[in-house]
Protein backbone atom coordinates (compact mmCIF):
# COMPACT_ATOMS: atom_id res chain seq x y z
CA MET A 1 0.00 0.00 0.00
CA ASP A 2 1.25 3.49 -0.88
CA ILE A 3 1.73 5.39 2.40
CA SER A 4 1.11 8.68 0.60
CA LYS A 5 -2.55 7.64 0.33
CA ILE A 6 -2.94 7.50 4.13
CA ASP A 7 -3.60 10.54 6.29
CA LEU A 8 -0.99 10.13 9.03
CA ASN A 9 -3.36 11.75 11.52
CA LEU A 10 -5.47 8.62 11.19
CA LEU A 11 -2.56 6.55 12.49
CA VAL A 12 -2.50 8.71 15.61
CA VAL A 13 -6.16 7.84 16.16
CA LEU A 14 -5.42 4.16 15.52
CA HIS A 15 -2.55 4.19 18.02
CA HIS A 16 -4.69 5.69 20.78
CA LEU A 17 -7.61 3.37 20.06
CA LEU A 18 -5.23 0.44 20.47
CA LEU A 19 -4.14 1.84 23.84
CA LYS A 20 -7.46 3.07 25.23
CA LYS A 21 -10.03 0.90 23.39
CA ARG A 22 -12.78 3.49 23.87
CA VAL A 23 -13.82 6.19 21.39
CA SER A 24 -14.84 8.57 24.19
CA THR A 25 -11.45 8.28 25.92
CA VAL A 26 -9.51 8.77 22.69
CA ALA A 27 -11.65 11.81 21.85
CA GLU A 28 -10.77 13.32 25.23
CA VAL A 29 -7.05 12.56 24.93
CA LEU A 30 -6.77 13.98 21.40
CA GLY A 31 -9.12 16.92 21.93
CA MET A 32 -11.53 15.68 19.29
CA SER A 33 -15.25 15.05 19.28
CA GLN A 34 -16.48 11.46 19.45
CA PRO A 35 -18.04 11.71 15.97
CA ALA A 36 -14.69 12.89 14.62
CA VAL A 37 -12.92 9.86 16.12
CA SER A 38 -15.60 7.55 14.71
CA SER A 39 -15.25 9.21 11.31
CA ALA A 40 -11.47 8.75 11.42
CA LEU A 41 -11.94 5.08 12.25
CA GLY A 42 -14.35 4.73 9.33
CA ARG A 43 -11.78 6.23 6.96
CA LEU A 44 -9.11 3.87 8.30
CA ARG A 45 -11.38 0.87 7.80
CA SER A 46 -12.05 1.91 4.21
CA THR A 47 -8.37 2.60 3.46
CA LEU A 48 -7.00 -0.57 5.06
CA GLY A 49 -9.85 -2.91 4.15
CA ASP A 50 -10.32 -4.26 7.67
CA ASP A 51 -12.78 -3.66 10.53
CA LEU A 52 -9.81 -2.95 12.83
CA PHE A 53 -12.04 -2.85 15.95
CA LEU A 54 -15.17 -4.67 17.05
CA ARG A 55 -17.52 -3.22 19.66
CA THR A 56 -17.84 -5.34 22.82
CA GLN A 57 -19.08 -4.74 26.36
CA GLY A 58 -15.47 -4.19 27.41
CA GLY A 59 -14.79 -1.58 24.72
CA MET A 60 -13.34 -1.63 21.22
CA GLU A 61 -11.51 -4.94 20.73
CA PRO A 62 -8.83 -4.88 18.00
CA THR A 63 -8.88 -7.39 15.17
CA PRO A 64 -5.80 -9.55 14.46
CA TYR A 65 -4.78 -7.13 11.71
CA ALA A 66 -5.04 -4.16 14.08
CA LEU A 67 -2.89 -5.99 16.63
CA GLN A 68 -0.35 -6.68 13.90
CA LEU A 69 -0.17 -2.94 13.22
CA ALA A 70 0.13 -1.95 16.90
CA GLU A 71 3.88 -2.12 17.41
CA PRO A 72 5.00 -0.78 13.97
CA VAL A 73 2.62 2.17 14.26
CA ALA A 74 3.74 2.90 17.85
CA LEU A 75 7.40 2.77 16.84
CA ALA A 76 6.82 5.00 13.80
CA LEU A 77 4.93 7.63 15.79
CA ASP A 78 7.49 7.50 18.58
CA GLY A 79 10.30 8.01 16.06
CA LEU A 80 8.53 11.03 14.59
CA GLN A 81 7.90 12.45 18.05
CA GLN A 82 11.53 12.04 19.05
CA ALA A 83 12.69 13.63 15.78
CA LEU A 84 10.40 16.63 16.33
CA ASN A 85 11.42 16.98 19.97
CA VAL A 86 15.11 16.34 19.47
CA ARG A 87 15.97 19.66 21.10
CA ALA A 88 13.46 19.29 23.89
CA ALA A 89 14.96 18.92 27.36
CA PHE A 90 13.41 17.07 30.27
CA ASP A 91 13.30 19.10 33.47
CA PRO A 92 12.36 16.80 36.35
CA ALA A 93 11.71 19.73 38.67
CA LEU A 94 8.94 21.02 36.37
CA SER A 95 7.69 17.84 34.72
CA THR A 96 4.27 16.34 35.45
CA ARG A 97 4.98 13.18 33.46
CA SER A 98 3.70 9.81 34.69
CA PHE A 99 5.86 6.70 34.36
CA THR A 100 4.60 3.13 34.58
CA LEU A 101 6.95 0.61 36.20
CA ALA A 102 6.64 -3.18 36.22
CA MET A 103 8.06 -5.11 39.16
CA THR A 104 7.35 -7.97 41.52
CA ASP A 105 6.01 -7.53 45.03
CA VAL A 106 9.52 -8.04 46.40
CA GLY A 107 10.68 -5.35 43.98
CA GLU A 108 7.99 -3.00 45.28
CA MET A 109 9.22 -3.50 48.83
CA TYR A 110 12.83 -2.84 47.88
CA PHE A 111 12.64 -0.15 45.19
CA LEU A 112 9.56 1.97 45.89
CA PRO A 113 10.36 3.53 49.31
CA VAL A 114 13.69 4.84 48.00
CA LEU A 115 12.37 5.83 44.58
CA VAL A 116 9.32 7.71 45.88
CA ASP A 117 11.48 9.61 48.36
CA ALA A 118 13.87 10.62 45.57
CA LEU A 119 10.99 11.82 43.36
CA THR A 120 9.52 13.85 46.21
CA ARG A 121 12.80 15.71 46.55
CA SER A 122 13.89 16.14 42.91
CA ALA A 123 10.77 15.69 40.75
CA PRO A 124 7.69 16.61 42.81
CA GLY A 125 5.34 16.65 39.82
CA VAL A 126 6.39 13.26 38.42
CA THR A 127 4.08 10.37 39.29
CA LEU A 128 4.44 6.60 39.16
CA GLN A 129 2.08 3.76 38.38
CA VAL A 130 3.21 0.23 39.29
CA VAL A 131 2.00 -2.96 37.60
CA SER A 132 3.00 -6.59 38.06
CA VAL A 133 5.70 -8.21 35.93
CA THR A 134 3.68 -11.42 35.98
CA GLN A 135 0.98 -10.12 33.65
CA ALA A 136 0.86 -11.99 30.34
CA SER A 137 0.97 -8.77 28.30
CA LEU A 138 4.25 -7.49 29.80
CA LYS A 139 6.27 -7.59 26.57
CA GLU A 140 3.46 -6.16 24.46
CA ASP A 141 2.79 -3.39 26.98
CA MET A 142 6.47 -2.43 27.00
CA ALA A 143 6.63 -2.50 23.19
CA THR A 144 3.62 -0.18 22.86
CA GLY A 145 4.71 2.20 25.59
CA ARG A 146 2.13 1.33 28.22
CA ILE A 147 5.00 0.24 30.50
CA ASP A 148 8.14 2.38 30.65
CA LEU A 149 10.51 0.30 32.74
CA ALA A 150 10.64 -3.21 34.21
CA MET A 151 12.89 -4.02 37.17
CA GLY A 152 13.97 -7.34 38.61
CA LEU A 153 15.18 -10.80 37.64
CA LEU A 154 13.14 -11.23 34.45
CA PRO A 155 14.43 -13.92 32.08
CA GLN A 156 11.34 -13.64 29.85
CA LEU A 157 12.41 -10.29 28.36
CA GLN A 158 14.36 -11.05 25.21
CA ALA A 159 14.83 -9.43 21.77
CA GLY A 160 13.82 -5.80 21.35
CA PHE A 161 14.72 -4.76 24.89
CA PHE A 162 17.62 -2.95 26.50
CA GLN A 163 18.91 -3.86 29.93
CA GLN A 164 21.21 -2.42 32.58
CA ALA A 165 22.48 -4.42 35.54
CA LEU A 166 21.87 -2.73 38.88
CA PHE A 167 23.27 -5.13 41.47
CA ARG A 168 23.95 -8.75 42.34
CA GLN A 169 22.57 -10.37 45.47
CA LYS A 170 22.90 -13.68 47.21
CA TYR A 171 20.17 -15.79 48.78
CA ILE A 172 19.94 -16.24 52.53
CA CYS A 173 17.76 -18.00 55.08
CA LEU A 174 15.21 -15.80 56.86
CA MET A 175 13.45 -16.55 60.17
CA ARG A 176 12.09 -14.86 63.30
CA ARG A 177 14.62 -13.41 65.72
CA GLY A 178 13.78 -15.93 68.47
CA HIS A 179 13.88 -18.97 66.21
CA PRO A 180 16.00 -21.89 67.51
CA LEU A 181 18.21 -21.57 64.40
CA ALA A 182 18.62 -17.78 64.61
CA ALA A 183 21.68 -17.73 66.86
CA GLY A 184 24.75 -19.75 67.73
CA ASN A 185 26.75 -21.85 65.33
CA PRO A 186 26.40 -21.50 61.55
CA LEU A 187 23.31 -23.06 60.04
CA THR A 188 24.02 -26.70 59.20
CA LEU A 189 22.71 -28.68 56.27
CA SER A 190 20.96 -31.05 58.66
CA SER A 191 19.15 -28.31 60.60
CA PHE A 192 18.23 -26.55 57.35
CA THR A 193 16.63 -29.62 55.77
CA GLN A 194 14.88 -30.67 58.99
CA ALA A 195 13.23 -27.25 59.49
CA GLU A 196 9.79 -26.41 58.14
CA HIS A 197 9.96 -24.09 55.13
CA VAL A 198 7.90 -21.52 53.26
CA ARG A 199 8.20 -21.83 49.48
CA ILE A 200 7.65 -18.64 47.44
CA LEU A 201 6.69 -19.32 43.84
CA ALA A 202 7.23 -15.74 42.52
CA ALA A 203 5.90 -16.51 39.03
CA GLY A 204 7.45 -14.55 36.17
CA THR A 205 10.82 -14.13 37.88
CA GLY A 206 14.02 -16.14 38.01
CA HIS A 207 14.01 -16.59 41.79
CA GLY A 208 12.83 -20.17 41.37
CA ARG A 209 16.47 -21.03 40.68
CA VAL A 210 16.89 -21.48 44.44
CA ASP A 211 14.51 -24.41 44.50
CA VAL A 212 16.18 -25.86 41.40
CA ALA A 213 19.64 -25.57 42.98
CA LEU A 214 18.51 -27.28 46.14
CA GLU A 215 16.70 -30.05 44.27
CA ASN A 216 19.78 -30.65 42.10
CA GLN A 217 21.66 -31.46 45.30
CA LYS A 218 19.04 -34.07 46.22
CA LEU A 219 17.90 -32.09 49.23
CA ARG A 220 14.42 -32.70 50.53
CA ARG A 221 12.68 -29.94 52.42
CA HIS A 222 9.36 -30.01 54.18
CA PHE A 223 7.16 -27.17 52.94
CA ARG A 224 4.60 -26.27 55.56
CA LEU A 225 3.38 -23.36 53.41
CA THR A 226 3.55 -22.37 49.72
CA VAL A 227 2.68 -18.80 48.72
CA PRO A 228 2.54 -17.08 45.31
CA HIS A 229 4.52 -13.99 46.35
CA TYR A 230 6.53 -12.33 49.12
CA VAL A 231 4.03 -9.79 50.39
CA ALA A 232 2.91 -11.67 53.55
CA LEU A 233 6.19 -13.44 54.25
CA GLY A 234 7.40 -11.10 57.00
CA ASP A 235 4.22 -11.57 59.03
CA VAL A 236 4.20 -15.34 58.50
CA LEU A 237 7.80 -15.81 59.64
CA SER A 238 7.48 -13.49 62.64
CA HIS A 239 4.58 -15.56 64.01
CA SER A 240 5.91 -19.06 63.37
CA ASP A 241 8.99 -21.28 63.37
CA LEU A 242 8.99 -21.49 59.58
CA ILE A 243 12.05 -20.43 57.60
CA ALA A 244 12.38 -19.18 54.01
CA THR A 245 15.14 -18.83 51.43
CA VAL A 246 14.96 -15.31 49.98
CA PRO A 247 17.02 -12.63 48.16
CA GLU A 248 19.22 -10.84 50.67
CA ARG A 249 18.06 -7.30 49.85
CA PHE A 250 14.46 -8.30 50.48
CA ALA A 251 15.57 -9.81 53.79
CA ASP A 252 17.30 -6.57 54.80
CA ARG A 253 14.04 -4.65 54.28
CA THR A 254 12.15 -7.01 56.63
CA LEU A 255 14.59 -7.54 59.51
CA GLY A 256 13.62 -4.51 61.57
CA PRO A 257 9.89 -4.15 60.82
CA PHE A 258 9.12 -7.83 61.49
CA GLY A 259 11.78 -8.76 64.05
CA LEU A 260 13.55 -11.26 61.79
CA SER A 261 17.07 -12.67 61.52
CA LYS A 262 19.03 -13.85 58.51
CA ARG A 263 21.52 -16.71 58.31
CA GLU A 264 23.89 -17.86 55.60
CA LEU A 265 22.67 -20.86 53.61
CA PRO A 266 24.55 -24.09 54.36
CA ILE A 267 24.89 -24.85 50.63
CA PRO A 268 26.06 -22.72 47.68
CA VAL A 269 23.37 -21.09 45.52
CA ALA A 270 24.28 -18.84 42.58
CA GLU A 271 23.68 -15.13 43.07
CA SER A 272 21.11 -13.29 40.98
CA ALA A 273 21.67 -10.13 38.96
CA ILE A 274 18.87 -7.56 39.11
CA HIS A 275 18.38 -5.40 35.99
CA GLN A 276 16.23 -2.61 34.68
CA PHE A 277 14.70 -3.32 31.26
CA TRP A 278 13.14 -1.03 28.65
CA HIS A 279 12.02 -1.25 25.03
CA SER A 280 14.15 0.20 22.25
CA ARG A 281 11.40 2.71 21.33
CA LEU A 282 12.10 4.62 24.58
CA HIS A 283 15.88 4.35 24.51
CA ARG A 284 16.52 7.96 23.44
CA ASP A 285 13.56 9.61 25.15
CA PRO A 286 14.98 12.36 27.43
CA GLY A 287 12.52 11.72 30.26
CA HIS A 288 13.13 8.01 30.12
CA GLN A 289 16.89 8.54 30.10
CA TRP A 290 16.51 10.65 33.25
CA LEU A 291 14.45 7.93 34.96
CA ARG A 292 17.00 5.24 34.11
CA GLN A 293 19.87 7.39 35.35
CA LEU A 294 17.98 8.09 38.56
CA THR A 295 17.36 4.38 39.10
CA TRP A 296 20.99 3.53 38.41
CA GLY A 297 22.15 6.24 40.80
CA LEU A 298 19.87 4.99 43.57
CA PHE A 299 20.36 1.24 43.20
CA GLY A 300 23.44 0.53 41.07
CA ASP A 301 26.16 -0.83 43.32
CA GLY A 302 29.08 -0.62 40.90
CA GLN A 303 29.81 -4.31 41.44
CA VAL A 304 28.28 -5.37 38.10
CA PRO A 305 28.73 -3.82 34.62
CA GLY A 306 26.27 -0.95 34.46
CA GLU A 307 26.33 -0.27 30.73
CA GLU A 308 23.06 -0.03 28.83
CA LYS A 309 22.96 -2.80 26.24
CA PRO A 310 20.40 -4.41 23.92
CA ILE A 311 19.48 -8.07 24.42
């Protein structure tokens, strides 16, 4: 199809319909009337020879062809926007931009208190929205710009993304401060395997490597409790004699508030490297560059290569 036959303004409407899925919302975002948005959609349907969207109770659902267009159109519009704004600077002190971050619950506990405090001091108008990295649409949402940055141990993010290592961390054993194993001699393999454990599944992350490492060494543990995430772990451990194997930086956040202790594992488990990830479409965006630099400054420990690189 000859691109000269397409009104590029219609692609802007298409892009926002793919993001918002409601004519009324797109009309408000673009400063258009609802009939004007509907008319633009009608012209797109005629030009492209496809319905593009079907009306449902949940909004305008894109057809397979519309979904196929989503990423190329988003990348093209983003490239044009960056070209037009090449001289534009991002001033965090004046900006009211909103960034969407994807992270696990353990990431929320570790990153957010520090990050929100930094924004309050240096970028008071900037706001954050946090979503889970476990959602099935993570890669698509990052590719289309609905998610700006993902943080954590996320092996599912592959081609099309950039990454920057922030820090490495080991895994340790966490328990209540008065636990029989919390003091005295180093934790032994026998006492570790005989204790009752909490297993944290943490879907969508690479933290399951701990269980794999232990199973590879033919170690059997008794799991009294299995949970899908870390959010209640501090309370559970503080009120029981259960123990858990967790990332050390998460443990450090919970020691004081929940009265917990940490002990070295009696067996070797490989450390994990925590990264920040972003899609190539945002790589040169000034505001996004500022956010990545802020994150690196707050959490990069200098012990791992911190260069930004595509994967």
